[in-house]
PDB file of all heavy atoms in Angstrom:
ATOM      1  N   ASP A   1      26.612  33.306 -46.507  1.00  0.00           N
ATOM      2  CA  ASP A   1      26.446  34.170 -47.696  1.00  0.00           C
ATOM      3  C   ASP A   1      25.197  34.855 -47.542  1.00  0.00           C
ATOM      4  O   ASP A   1      24.330  34.665 -46.574  1.00  0.00           O
ATOM      5  CB  ASP A   1      26.580  33.443 -48.939  1.00  0.00           C
ATOM      6  CG  ASP A   1      25.564  32.448 -49.222  1.00  0.00           C
ATOM      7  OD1 ASP A   1      24.521  32.410 -48.516  1.00  0.00           O
ATOM      8  OD2 ASP A   1      25.701  31.485 -50.138  1.00  0.00           O
ATOM      9  N   THR A   2      24.825  35.724 -48.426  1.00  0.00           N
ATOM     10  CA  THR A   2      23.711  36.531 -48.419  1.00  0.00           C
ATOM     11  C   THR A   2      22.317  35.716 -48.370  1.00  0.00           C
ATOM     12  O   THR A   2      21.327  36.135 -48.044  1.00  0.00           O
ATOM     13  CB  THR A   2      23.583  37.615 -49.503  1.00  0.00           C
ATOM     14  OG1 THR A   2      23.819  36.857 -50.814  1.00  0.00           O
ATOM     15  CG2 THR A   2      24.793  38.545 -49.379  1.00  0.00           C
ATOM     16  N   ALA A   3      22.405  34.517 -48.965  1.00  0.00           N
ATOM     17  CA  ALA A   3      21.302  33.670 -48.931  1.00  0.00           C
ATOM     18  C   ALA A   3      21.089  32.751 -47.669  1.00  0.00           C
ATOM     19  O   ALA A   3      20.201  32.140 -47.477  1.00  0.00           O
ATOM     20  CB  ALA A   3      21.381  32.597 -50.158  1.00  0.00           C
ATOM     21  N   GLY A   4      21.994  33.048 -46.800  1.00  0.00           N
ATOM     22  CA  GLY A   4      21.951  32.319 -45.456  1.00  0.00           C
ATOM     23  C   GLY A   4      22.627  30.967 -45.399  1.00  0.00           C
ATOM     24  O   GLY A   4      22.530  30.285 -44.455  1.00  0.00           O
ATOM     25  N   THR A   5      23.378  30.610 -46.560  1.00  0.00           N
ATOM     26  CA  THR A   5      23.938  29.343 -46.560  1.00  0.00           C
ATOM     27  C   THR A   5      25.209  29.352 -45.804  1.00  0.00           C
ATOM     28  O   THR A   5      26.042  30.312 -45.807  1.00  0.00           O
ATOM     29  CB  THR A   5      24.252  28.939 -48.076  1.00  0.00           C
ATOM     30  OG1 THR A   5      23.122  29.048 -48.782  1.00  0.00           O
ATOM     31  CG2 THR A   5      24.957  27.612 -48.148  1.00  0.00           C
ATOM     32  N   LEU A   6      25.375  28.249 -44.944  1.00  0.00           N
ATOM     33  CA  LEU A   6      26.537  28.117 -44.190  1.00  0.00           C
ATOM     34  C   LEU A   6      27.732  27.796 -44.925  1.00  0.00           C
ATOM     35  O   LEU A   6      27.784  26.714 -45.598  1.00  0.00           O
ATOM     36  CB  LEU A   6      26.308  27.197 -42.968  1.00  0.00           C
ATOM     37  CG  LEU A   6      27.438  26.960 -42.030  1.00  0.00           C
ATOM     38  CD1 LEU A   6      27.771  28.182 -41.205  1.00  0.00           C
ATOM     39  CD2 LEU A   6      27.107  25.687 -41.096  1.00  0.00           C
ATOM     40  N   LEU A   7      28.800  28.481 -45.047  1.00  0.00           N
ATOM     41  CA  LEU A   7      30.046  28.273 -45.864  1.00  0.00           C
ATOM     42  C   LEU A   7      31.224  27.850 -45.136  1.00  0.00           C
ATOM     43  O   LEU A   7      32.164  27.173 -45.624  1.00  0.00           O
ATOM     44  CB  LEU A   7      30.264  29.492 -46.722  1.00  0.00           C
ATOM     45  CG  LEU A   7      29.310  29.962 -47.826  1.00  0.00           C
ATOM     46  CD1 LEU A   7      29.873  31.052 -48.672  1.00  0.00           C
ATOM     47  CD2 LEU A   7      28.598  28.846 -48.428  1.00  0.00           C
ATOM     48  N   ALA A   8      31.328  28.255 -43.868  1.00  0.00           N
ATOM     49  CA  ALA A   8      32.506  28.045 -42.988  1.00  0.00           C
ATOM     50  C   ALA A   8      32.210  28.079 -41.634  1.00  0.00           C
ATOM     51  O   ALA A   8      31.233  28.785 -41.126  1.00  0.00           O
ATOM     52  CB  ALA A   8      33.607  28.940 -43.457  1.00  0.00           C
ATOM     53  N   VAL A   9      33.020  27.445 -40.810  1.00  0.00           N
ATOM     54  CA  VAL A   9      32.819  27.444 -39.379  1.00  0.00           C
ATOM     55  C   VAL A   9      34.180  27.379 -38.766  1.00  0.00           C
ATOM     56  O   VAL A   9      35.112  26.621 -39.244  1.00  0.00           O
ATOM     57  CB  VAL A   9      32.056  26.160 -38.798  1.00  0.00           C
ATOM     58  CG1 VAL A   9      31.974  26.068 -37.293  1.00  0.00           C
ATOM     59  CG2 VAL A   9      30.577  26.202 -39.348  1.00  0.00           C
ATOM     60  N   SER A  10      34.356  28.136 -37.667  1.00  0.00           N
ATOM     61  CA  SER A  10      35.728  28.266 -37.034  1.00  0.00           C
ATOM     62  C   SER A  10      35.496  28.026 -35.509  1.00  0.00           C
ATOM     63  O   SER A  10      34.661  28.792 -34.916  1.00  0.00           O
ATOM     64  CB  SER A  10      36.474  29.455 -37.284  1.00  0.00           C
ATOM     65  OG  SER A  10      37.646  29.551 -36.711  1.00  0.00           O
ATOM     66  N   LEU A  11      36.176  27.213 -34.942  1.00  0.00           N
ATOM     67  CA  LEU A  11      36.229  26.771 -33.525  1.00  0.00           C
ATOM     68  C   LEU A  11      37.361  27.557 -32.931  1.00  0.00           C
ATOM     69  O   LEU A  11      38.574  27.291 -33.308  1.00  0.00           O
ATOM     70  CB  LEU A  11      36.171  25.309 -33.207  1.00  0.00           C
ATOM     71  CG  LEU A  11      36.317  24.841 -31.843  1.00  0.00           C
ATOM     72  CD1 LEU A  11      35.099  25.232 -31.075  1.00  0.00           C
ATOM     73  CD2 LEU A  11      36.485  23.353 -31.806  1.00  0.00           C
ATOM     74  N   ILE A  12      37.190  28.372 -31.910  1.00  0.00           N
ATOM     75  CA  ILE A  12      38.392  29.163 -31.412  1.00  0.00           C
ATOM     76  C   ILE A  12      38.289  29.148 -29.875  1.00  0.00           C
ATOM     77  O   ILE A  12      37.221  28.859 -29.196  1.00  0.00           O
ATOM     78  CB  ILE A  12      38.323  30.600 -31.861  1.00  0.00           C
ATOM     79  CG1 ILE A  12      37.034  31.326 -31.384  1.00  0.00           C
ATOM     80  CG2 ILE A  12      38.501  30.717 -33.402  1.00  0.00           C
ATOM     81  CD1 ILE A  12      37.036  32.831 -31.793  1.00  0.00           C
ATOM     82  N   ASP A  13      39.457  29.329 -29.256  1.00  0.00           N
ATOM     83  CA  ASP A  13      39.579  29.589 -27.799  1.00  0.00           C
ATOM     84  C   ASP A  13      40.092  31.053 -27.593  1.00  0.00           C
ATOM     85  O   ASP A  13      40.913  31.446 -28.418  1.00  0.00           O
ATOM     86  CB  ASP A  13      40.647  28.540 -27.211  1.00  0.00           C
ATOM     87  CG  ASP A  13      40.056  27.181 -27.149  1.00  0.00           C
ATOM     88  OD1 ASP A  13      38.781  27.063 -27.238  1.00  0.00           O
ATOM     89  OD2 ASP A  13      40.803  26.250 -26.997  1.00  0.00           O
ATOM     90  N   VAL A  14      39.550  31.560 -26.604  1.00  0.00           N
ATOM     91  CA  VAL A  14      39.989  32.890 -26.165  1.00  0.00           C
ATOM     92  C   VAL A  14      41.050  32.916 -25.062  1.00  0.00           C
ATOM     93  O   VAL A  14      40.918  32.234 -24.039  1.00  0.00           O
ATOM     94  CB  VAL A  14      38.818  33.819 -25.596  1.00  0.00           C
ATOM     95  CG1 VAL A  14      39.161  35.189 -25.319  1.00  0.00           C
ATOM     96  CG2 VAL A  14      37.667  33.863 -26.834  1.00  0.00           C
ATOM     97  N   LEU A  15      42.270  33.439 -25.406  1.00  0.00           N
ATOM     98  CA  LEU A  15      43.345  33.400 -24.431  1.00  0.00           C
ATOM     99  C   LEU A  15      43.670  34.746 -23.834  1.00  0.00           C
ATOM    100  O   LEU A  15      42.998  35.700 -24.295  1.00  0.00           O
ATOM    101  CB  LEU A  15      44.658  32.958 -25.077  1.00  0.00           C
ATOM    102  CG  LEU A  15      44.490  31.582 -26.053  1.00  0.00           C
ATOM    103  CD1 LEU A  15      45.810  31.334 -26.775  1.00  0.00           C
ATOM    104  CD2 LEU A  15      44.212  30.423 -25.016  1.00  0.00           C
ATOM    105  N   GLU A  16      44.412  34.827 -22.864  1.00  0.00           N
ATOM    106  CA  GLU A  16      44.792  35.989 -22.231  1.00  0.00           C
ATOM    107  C   GLU A  16      45.478  36.902 -23.217  1.00  0.00           C
ATOM    108  O   GLU A  16      45.220  38.101 -23.157  1.00  0.00           O
ATOM    109  CB  GLU A  16      45.806  35.781 -21.053  1.00  0.00           C
ATOM    110  CG  GLU A  16      45.088  35.097 -19.886  1.00  0.00           C
ATOM    111  CD  GLU A  16      46.121  34.788 -18.783  1.00  0.00           C
ATOM    112  OE1 GLU A  16      47.179  34.701 -18.934  1.00  0.00           O
ATOM    113  OE2 GLU A  16      45.450  34.660 -17.600  1.00  0.00           O
ATOM    114  N   ASP A  17      46.274  36.479 -24.138  1.00  0.00           N
ATOM    115  CA  ASP A  17      47.012  37.265 -25.094  1.00  0.00           C
ATOM    116  C   ASP A  17      46.743  37.130 -26.482  1.00  0.00           C
ATOM    117  O   ASP A  17      47.405  37.429 -27.296  1.00  0.00           O
ATOM    118  CB  ASP A  17      48.513  36.986 -24.849  1.00  0.00           C
ATOM    119  CG  ASP A  17      48.982  35.539 -25.261  1.00  0.00           C
ATOM    120  OD1 ASP A  17      47.947  34.754 -25.382  1.00  0.00           O
ATOM    121  OD2 ASP A  17      50.123  35.237 -25.475  1.00  0.00           O
ATOM    122  N   GLY A  18      45.454  36.541 -26.732  1.00  0.00           N
ATOM    123  CA  GLY A  18      45.119  36.387 -28.100  1.00  0.00           C
ATOM    124  C   GLY A  18      43.935  35.366 -28.324  1.00  0.00           C
ATOM    125  O   GLY A  18      43.217  35.079 -27.367  1.00  0.00           O
ATOM    126  N   LEU A  19      43.819  34.905 -29.443  1.00  0.00           N
ATOM    127  CA  LEU A  19      42.886  33.880 -29.979  1.00  0.00           C
ATOM    128  C   LEU A  19      43.587  32.724 -30.444  1.00  0.00           C
ATOM    129  O   LEU A  19      44.781  32.829 -31.026  1.00  0.00           O
ATOM    130  CB  LEU A  19      41.905  34.360 -31.083  1.00  0.00           C
ATOM    131  CG  LEU A  19      41.085  35.542 -30.747  1.00  0.00           C
ATOM    132  CD1 LEU A  19      40.190  35.933 -31.896  1.00  0.00           C
ATOM    133  CD2 LEU A  19      40.116  35.336 -29.508  1.00  0.00           C
ATOM    134  N   SER A  20      43.012  31.535 -30.155  1.00  0.00           N
ATOM    135  CA  SER A  20      43.683  30.325 -30.697  1.00  0.00           C
ATOM    136  C   SER A  20      42.729  29.661 -31.741  1.00  0.00           C
ATOM    137  O   SER A  20      41.568  29.359 -31.386  1.00  0.00           O
ATOM    138  CB  SER A  20      43.857  29.360 -29.583  1.00  0.00           C
ATOM    139  OG  SER A  20      44.405  28.084 -29.980  1.00  0.00           O
ATOM    140  N   ALA A  21      43.139  29.488 -32.909  1.00  0.00           N
ATOM    141  CA  ALA A  21      42.371  28.873 -33.942  1.00  0.00           C
ATOM    142  C   ALA A  21      42.423  27.342 -33.722  1.00  0.00           C
ATOM    143  O   ALA A  21      43.435  26.616 -34.171  1.00  0.00           O
ATOM    144  CB  ALA A  21      42.926  29.280 -35.408  1.00  0.00           C
ATOM    145  N   VAL A  22      41.336  26.744 -33.182  1.00  0.00           N
ATOM    146  CA  VAL A  22      41.381  25.316 -32.762  1.00  0.00           C
ATOM    147  C   VAL A  22      41.246  24.435 -33.935  1.00  0.00           C
ATOM    148  O   VAL A  22      41.940  23.580 -34.348  1.00  0.00           O
ATOM    149  CB  VAL A  22      40.420  25.098 -31.708  1.00  0.00           C
ATOM    150  CG1 VAL A  22      40.251  23.498 -31.419  1.00  0.00           C
ATOM    151  CG2 VAL A  22      40.748  25.764 -30.467  1.00  0.00           C
ATOM    152  N   TYR A  23      40.126  24.734 -34.779  1.00  0.00           N
ATOM    153  CA  TYR A  23      39.785  24.050 -35.999  1.00  0.00           C
ATOM    154  C   TYR A  23      38.807  24.796 -36.841  1.00  0.00           C
ATOM    155  O   TYR A  23      37.853  25.347 -36.292  1.00  0.00           O
ATOM    156  CB  TYR A  23      39.153  22.559 -35.655  1.00  0.00           C
ATOM    157  CG  TYR A  23      39.249  21.627 -36.798  1.00  0.00           C
ATOM    158  CD1 TYR A  23      40.282  20.979 -37.215  1.00  0.00           C
ATOM    159  CD2 TYR A  23      37.992  21.396 -37.521  1.00  0.00           C
ATOM    160  CE1 TYR A  23      40.253  20.166 -38.185  1.00  0.00           C
ATOM    161  CE2 TYR A  23      37.944  20.552 -38.673  1.00  0.00           C
ATOM    162  CZ  TYR A  23      39.177  19.951 -38.896  1.00  0.00           C
ATOM    163  OH  TYR A  23      39.189  19.104 -40.048  1.00  0.00           O
ATOM    164  N   SER A  24      38.979  24.793 -38.184  1.00  0.00           N
ATOM    165  CA  SER A  24      38.086  25.514 -39.045  1.00  0.00           C
ATOM    166  C   SER A  24      37.757  24.421 -40.161  1.00  0.00           C
ATOM    167  O   SER A  24      38.658  23.742 -40.637  1.00  0.00           O
ATOM    168  CB  SER A  24      38.685  26.713 -39.479  1.00  0.00           C
ATOM    169  OG  SER A  24      38.974  27.587 -38.463  1.00  0.00           O
ATOM    170  N   PHE A  25      36.502  24.499 -40.779  1.00  0.00           N
ATOM    171  CA  PHE A  25      36.212  23.875 -41.990  1.00  0.00           C
ATOM    172  C   PHE A  25      35.259  24.706 -42.739  1.00  0.00           C
ATOM    173  O   PHE A  25      34.626  25.523 -42.301  1.00  0.00           O
ATOM    174  CB  PHE A  25      35.574  22.502 -41.511  1.00  0.00           C
ATOM    175  CG  PHE A  25      34.426  22.567 -40.537  1.00  0.00           C
ATOM    176  CD1 PHE A  25      33.141  22.611 -40.998  1.00  0.00           C
ATOM    177  CD2 PHE A  25      34.671  22.618 -39.125  1.00  0.00           C
ATOM    178  CE1 PHE A  25      32.086  22.745 -40.132  1.00  0.00           C
ATOM    179  CE2 PHE A  25      33.557  22.632 -38.299  1.00  0.00           C
ATOM    180  CZ  PHE A  25      32.218  22.786 -38.718  1.00  0.00           C
ATOM    181  N   TYR A  26      35.209  24.272 -43.930  1.00  0.00           N
ATOM    182  CA  TYR A  26      34.412  25.066 -45.014  1.00  0.00           C
ATOM    183  C   TYR A  26      34.012  24.350 -46.232  1.00  0.00           C
ATOM    184  O   TYR A  26      34.390  23.210 -46.476  1.00  0.00           O
ATOM    185  CB  TYR A  26      35.276  26.272 -45.305  1.00  0.00           C
ATOM    186  CG  TYR A  26      36.728  25.934 -45.774  1.00  0.00           C
ATOM    187  CD1 TYR A  26      37.070  25.582 -47.025  1.00  0.00           C
ATOM    188  CD2 TYR A  26      37.746  25.978 -44.685  1.00  0.00           C
ATOM    189  CE1 TYR A  26      38.395  25.256 -47.445  1.00  0.00           C
ATOM    190  CE2 TYR A  26      39.035  25.574 -45.202  1.00  0.00           C
ATOM    191  CZ  TYR A  26      39.294  25.244 -46.459  1.00  0.00           C
ATOM    192  OH  TYR A  26      40.548  24.775 -46.773  1.00  0.00           O
ATOM    193  N   ARG A  27      33.083  24.964 -47.030  1.00  0.00           N
ATOM    194  CA  ARG A  27      32.716  24.348 -48.325  1.00  0.00           C
ATOM    195  C   ARG A  27      33.975  23.981 -49.162  1.00  0.00           C
ATOM    196  O   ARG A  27      34.695  24.993 -49.639  1.00  0.00           O
ATOM    197  CB  ARG A  27      31.723  25.353 -48.989  1.00  0.00           C
ATOM    198  CG  ARG A  27      30.387  25.244 -48.337  1.00  0.00           C
ATOM    199  CD  ARG A  27      29.542  24.221 -48.792  1.00  0.00           C
ATOM    200  NE  ARG A  27      29.269  24.214 -50.248  1.00  0.00           N
ATOM    201  CZ  ARG A  27      28.194  24.669 -50.799  1.00  0.00           C
ATOM    202  NH1 ARG A  27      27.232  25.352 -50.148  1.00  0.00           N
ATOM    203  NH2 ARG A  27      27.963  24.585 -52.088  1.00  0.00           N
ATOM    204  N   PRO A  28      34.139  22.866 -49.567  1.00  0.00           N
ATOM    205  CA  PRO A  28      35.295  22.530 -50.338  1.00  0.00           C
ATOM    206  C   PRO A  28      35.094  22.758 -51.905  1.00  0.00           C
ATOM    207  O   PRO A  28      36.104  22.675 -52.618  1.00  0.00           O
ATOM    208  CB  PRO A  28      35.583  21.001 -50.083  1.00  0.00           C
ATOM    209  CG  PRO A  28      34.125  20.483 -49.812  1.00  0.00           C
ATOM    210  CD  PRO A  28      33.352  21.611 -49.161  1.00  0.00           C
ATOM    211  N   ASP A  29      33.938  23.102 -52.257  1.00  0.00           N
ATOM    212  CA  ASP A  29      33.587  23.259 -53.656  1.00  0.00           C
ATOM    213  C   ASP A  29      33.517  24.640 -54.001  1.00  0.00           C
ATOM    214  O   ASP A  29      32.877  25.071 -55.126  1.00  0.00           O
ATOM    215  CB  ASP A  29      32.277  22.598 -54.016  1.00  0.00           C
ATOM    216  CG  ASP A  29      31.152  23.125 -53.063  1.00  0.00           C
ATOM    217  OD1 ASP A  29      31.373  23.844 -52.119  1.00  0.00           O
ATOM    218  OD2 ASP A  29      29.880  22.770 -53.493  1.00  0.00           O
ATOM    219  N   MET A  30      34.182  25.510 -53.359  1.00  0.00           N
ATOM    220  CA  MET A  30      34.209  27.028 -53.559  1.00  0.00           C
ATOM    221  C   MET A  30      35.612  27.503 -53.612  1.00  0.00           C
ATOM    222  O   MET A  30      36.010  28.398 -52.888  1.00  0.00           O
ATOM    223  CB  MET A  30      33.321  27.787 -52.699  1.00  0.00           C
ATOM    224  CG  MET A  30      31.836  27.596 -52.738  1.00  0.00           C
ATOM    225  SD  MET A  30      30.945  28.604 -51.680  1.00  0.00           S
ATOM    226  CE  MET A  30      29.334  28.149 -52.181  1.00  0.00           C
ATOM    227  N   PRO A  31      36.529  26.938 -54.443  1.00  0.00           N
ATOM    228  CA  PRO A  31      37.989  27.306 -54.345  1.00  0.00           C
ATOM    229  C   PRO A  31      38.225  28.867 -54.672  1.00  0.00           C
ATOM    230  O   PRO A  31      39.114  29.420 -54.195  1.00  0.00           O
ATOM    231  CB  PRO A  31      38.635  26.494 -55.439  1.00  0.00           C
ATOM    232  CG  PRO A  31      37.502  25.993 -56.259  1.00  0.00           C
ATOM    233  CD  PRO A  31      36.300  25.922 -55.435  1.00  0.00           C
ATOM    234  N   HIS A  32      37.287  29.458 -55.437  1.00  0.00           N
ATOM    235  CA  HIS A  32      37.405  30.760 -55.806  1.00  0.00           C
ATOM    236  C   HIS A  32      37.321  31.726 -54.555  1.00  0.00           C
ATOM    237  O   HIS A  32      37.880  32.838 -54.557  1.00  0.00           O
ATOM    238  CB  HIS A  32      36.348  31.230 -56.876  1.00  0.00           C
ATOM    239  CG  HIS A  32      34.940  31.031 -56.417  1.00  0.00           C
ATOM    240  ND1 HIS A  32      34.431  29.928 -56.144  1.00  0.00           N
ATOM    241  CD2 HIS A  32      34.102  31.992 -55.951  1.00  0.00           C
ATOM    242  CE1 HIS A  32      32.963  30.060 -55.680  1.00  0.00           C
ATOM    243  NE2 HIS A  32      32.876  31.423 -55.629  1.00  0.00           N
ATOM    244  N   ARG A  33      36.593  31.236 -53.544  1.00  0.00           N
ATOM    245  CA  ARG A  33      36.489  32.075 -52.399  1.00  0.00           C
ATOM    246  C   ARG A  33      37.715  31.957 -51.369  1.00  0.00           C
ATOM    247  O   ARG A  33      37.871  32.786 -50.672  1.00  0.00           O
ATOM    248  CB  ARG A  33      35.284  31.657 -51.627  1.00  0.00           C
ATOM    249  CG  ARG A  33      33.978  32.328 -52.086  1.00  0.00           C
ATOM    250  CD  ARG A  33      32.790  32.055 -51.105  1.00  0.00           C
ATOM    251  NE  ARG A  33      31.582  32.624 -51.593  1.00  0.00           N
ATOM    252  CZ  ARG A  33      31.176  33.865 -51.349  1.00  0.00           C
ATOM    253  NH1 ARG A  33      31.970  34.716 -50.535  1.00  0.00           N
ATOM    254  NH2 ARG A  33      30.002  34.345 -51.632  1.00  0.00           N
ATOM    255  N   SER A  34      38.579  30.867 -51.616  1.00  0.00           N
ATOM    256  CA  SER A  34      39.554  30.651 -50.592  1.00  0.00           C
ATOM    257  C   SER A  34      39.075  30.898 -49.100  1.00  0.00           C
ATOM    258  O   SER A  34      39.734  31.707 -48.358  1.00  0.00           O
ATOM    259  CB  SER A  34      40.787  31.562 -50.848  1.00  0.00           C
ATOM    260  OG  SER A  34      41.313  31.471 -52.217  1.00  0.00           O
ATOM    261  N   LEU A  35      38.118  30.102 -48.778  1.00  0.00           N
ATOM    262  CA  LEU A  35      37.519  30.267 -47.541  1.00  0.00           C
ATOM    263  C   LEU A  35      38.460  30.061 -46.309  1.00  0.00           C
ATOM    264  O   LEU A  35      38.287  30.788 -45.241  1.00  0.00           O
ATOM    265  CB  LEU A  35      36.321  29.309 -47.427  1.00  0.00           C
ATOM    266  CG  LEU A  35      35.128  29.753 -48.326  1.00  0.00           C
ATOM    267  CD1 LEU A  35      34.162  28.563 -48.377  1.00  0.00           C
ATOM    268  CD2 LEU A  35      34.438  31.087 -47.734  1.00  0.00           C
ATOM    269  N   GLY A  36      39.284  29.176 -46.377  1.00  0.00           N
ATOM    270  CA  GLY A  36      40.321  28.830 -45.310  1.00  0.00           C
ATOM    271  C   GLY A  36      41.061  30.027 -45.088  1.00  0.00           C
ATOM    272  O   GLY A  36      41.411  30.510 -43.784  1.00  0.00           O
TER     273      GLY A  36
END
């Protein structure tokens, strides 16, 4: 966010024909953001 707080992280692989979403995680206490 604008304060520099880490809210989410996504681990991805780059493929020949796209991206693969390997694993993502995020702040669970911000449901209003729907970070996933």
